[in-house]
Amino acid sequence: MKDLLFFTLFLLLFSCGKNNTEKVISTNQESAVPPYDTIAKDSFSAGAVSVDVARRIKMSSQKYQDSLREVKRKLEEEKLANKLKEEKDKADKKLEEEKKKAEEDARLKREKEKQKSDAGISESPTHP
Protein backbone atom coordinates (compact mmCIF):
# COMPACT_ATOMS: atom_id res chain seq x y z
CA MET A 1 0.00 0.00 0.00
CA LYS A 2 2.80 2.28 0.83
CA ASP A 3 4.28 1.67 -2.65
CA LEU A 4 0.95 2.43 -4.27
CA LEU A 5 0.75 5.73 -2.42
CA PHE A 6 4.26 6.73 -3.45
CA PHE A 7 3.58 5.68 -7.04
CA THR A 8 0.37 7.79 -7.15
CA LEU A 9 2.15 10.74 -5.59
CA PHE A 10 4.99 10.34 -8.05
CA LEU A 11 2.55 10.31 -11.01
CA LEU A 12 0.68 13.30 -9.65
CA LEU A 13 3.85 15.36 -9.36
CA PHE A 14 4.97 14.62 -12.90
CA SER A 15 1.54 15.11 -14.46
CA CYS A 16 1.02 18.44 -12.72
CA GLY A 17 4.54 19.55 -13.36
CA LYS A 18 4.16 19.55 -17.16
CA ASN A 19 4.69 22.88 -18.82
CA ASN A 20 2.03 23.48 -21.39
CA THR A 21 3.83 26.01 -23.55
CA GLU A 22 1.77 27.01 -26.50
CA LYS A 23 3.37 28.75 -29.40
CA VAL A 24 2.40 32.37 -29.34
CA ILE A 25 2.49 34.12 -32.69
CA SER A 26 3.60 37.69 -32.45
CA THR A 27 1.29 39.96 -34.35
CA ASN A 28 3.32 43.06 -33.71
CA GLN A 29 6.13 42.57 -36.14
CA GLU A 30 8.62 45.32 -36.58
CA SER A 31 9.21 45.91 -40.27
CA ALA A 32 12.08 47.74 -41.84
CA VAL A 33 9.66 49.72 -44.00
CA PRO A 34 7.79 52.41 -42.13
CA PRO A 35 4.05 52.71 -42.79
CA TYR A 36 4.40 56.26 -44.05
CA ASP A 37 6.01 57.80 -47.14
CA THR A 38 9.65 58.77 -46.57
CA ILE A 39 10.44 60.18 -50.02
CA ALA A 40 12.13 63.50 -49.63
CA LYS A 41 10.26 66.51 -50.95
CA ASP A 42 11.85 69.40 -52.82
CA SER A 43 10.03 71.89 -50.65
CA PHE A 44 7.11 72.09 -48.28
CA SER A 45 5.08 74.49 -50.38
CA ALA A 46 1.79 73.65 -52.06
CA GLY A 47 3.55 72.84 -55.35
CA ALA A 48 6.05 70.39 -53.87
CA VAL A 49 6.97 67.54 -56.22
CA SER A 50 8.18 64.15 -55.08
CA VAL A 51 11.29 62.55 -56.53
CA ASP A 52 9.25 59.93 -58.41
CA VAL A 53 7.03 62.52 -60.04
CA ALA A 54 10.05 64.60 -61.01
CA ARG A 55 11.64 61.51 -62.55
CA ARG A 56 8.49 60.76 -64.58
CA ILE A 57 8.40 64.36 -65.80
CA LYS A 58 12.06 64.18 -66.78
CA MET A 59 11.55 60.91 -68.65
CA SER A 60 8.64 62.33 -70.57
CA SER A 61 10.54 65.43 -71.60
CA GLN A 62 11.35 65.84 -75.28
CA LYS A 63 15.10 66.09 -74.71
CA TYR A 64 15.18 62.78 -72.84
CA GLN A 65 13.10 61.06 -75.51
CA ASP A 66 15.38 62.47 -78.23
CA SER A 67 18.45 61.11 -76.45
CA LEU A 68 16.83 57.67 -76.26
CA ARG A 69 16.05 57.77 -79.99
CA GLU A 70 19.65 58.81 -80.71
CA VAL A 71 21.02 55.87 -78.72
CA LYS A 72 18.69 53.46 -80.55
CA ARG A 73 19.71 54.92 -83.90
CA LYS A 74 23.42 54.52 -83.08
CA LEU A 75 22.89 50.91 -82.04
CA GLU A 76 21.07 50.19 -85.31
CA GLU A 77 23.88 51.84 -87.29
CA GLU A 78 26.47 49.73 -85.48
CA LYS A 79 24.51 46.55 -86.22
CA LEU A 80 24.19 47.54 -89.87
CA ALA A 81 27.91 48.37 -90.10
CA ASN A 82 28.83 45.03 -88.54
CA LYS A 83 26.51 43.22 -90.94
CA LEU A 84 28.02 45.01 -93.95
CA LYS A 85 31.53 44.26 -92.71
CA GLU A 86 30.69 40.57 -92.34
CA GLU A 87 29.20 40.48 -95.84
CA LYS A 88 32.29 42.21 -97.24
CA ASP A 89 34.56 39.72 -95.47
CA LYS A 90 32.55 36.82 -96.88
CA ALA A 91 32.73 38.32 -100.39
CA ASP A 92 36.50 38.84 -100.05
CA LYS A 93 37.00 35.25 -98.90
CA LYS A 94 34.90 33.97 -101.79
CA LEU A 95 36.88 36.11 -104.24
CA GLU A 96 40.18 34.82 -102.81
CA GLU A 97 38.98 31.22 -103.14
CA GLU A 98 37.96 31.82 -106.76
CA LYS A 99 41.32 33.46 -107.44
CA LYS A 100 43.20 30.52 -105.91
CA LYS A 101 41.11 28.10 -107.93
CA ALA A 102 41.82 30.05 -111.15
CA GLU A 103 45.56 30.11 -110.36
CA GLU A 104 45.49 26.36 -109.67
CA ASP A 105 43.70 25.75 -113.00
CA ALA A 106 46.25 27.90 -114.84
CA ARG A 107 49.13 26.08 -113.17
CA LEU A 108 47.69 22.68 -114.12
CA LYS A 109 47.17 23.89 -117.70
CA ARG A 110 50.80 25.06 -117.91
CA GLU A 111 52.02 21.72 -116.57
CA LYS A 112 50.00 19.86 -119.23
CA GLU A 113 51.40 22.11 -121.97
CA LYS A 114 54.90 21.59 -120.63
CA GLN A 115 54.41 17.82 -120.61
CA LYS A 116 53.15 17.96 -124.22
CA SER A 117 56.10 20.08 -125.30
CA ASP A 118 58.52 17.76 -123.46
CA ALA A 119 56.91 14.80 -125.18
CA GLY A 120 57.27 16.57 -128.57
CA ILE A 121 60.95 17.37 -127.96
CA SER A 122 61.76 13.84 -126.87
CA GLU A 123 60.23 12.46 -130.12
CA SER A 124 62.23 14.76 -132.40
CA PRO A 125 65.72 13.57 -131.53
CA THR A 126 64.74 9.95 -131.93
CA HIS A 127 63.36 10.61 -135.44
CA PRO A 128 65.88 12.64 -137.44
Foldseek 3Di string as FASTA:
>chain_A
DVVVVVVVVVVVCVVVPDDDDDDDDDPDDDDPDDPDDDFDWPDDDPPIDTPVRVVVVVCPDPVNVVVVVVVVVVVVVVVVVVVVVVVVVVVVVVVVVVVVVVVVVVVVVVVVVVVVVVVVVVVVVVPD
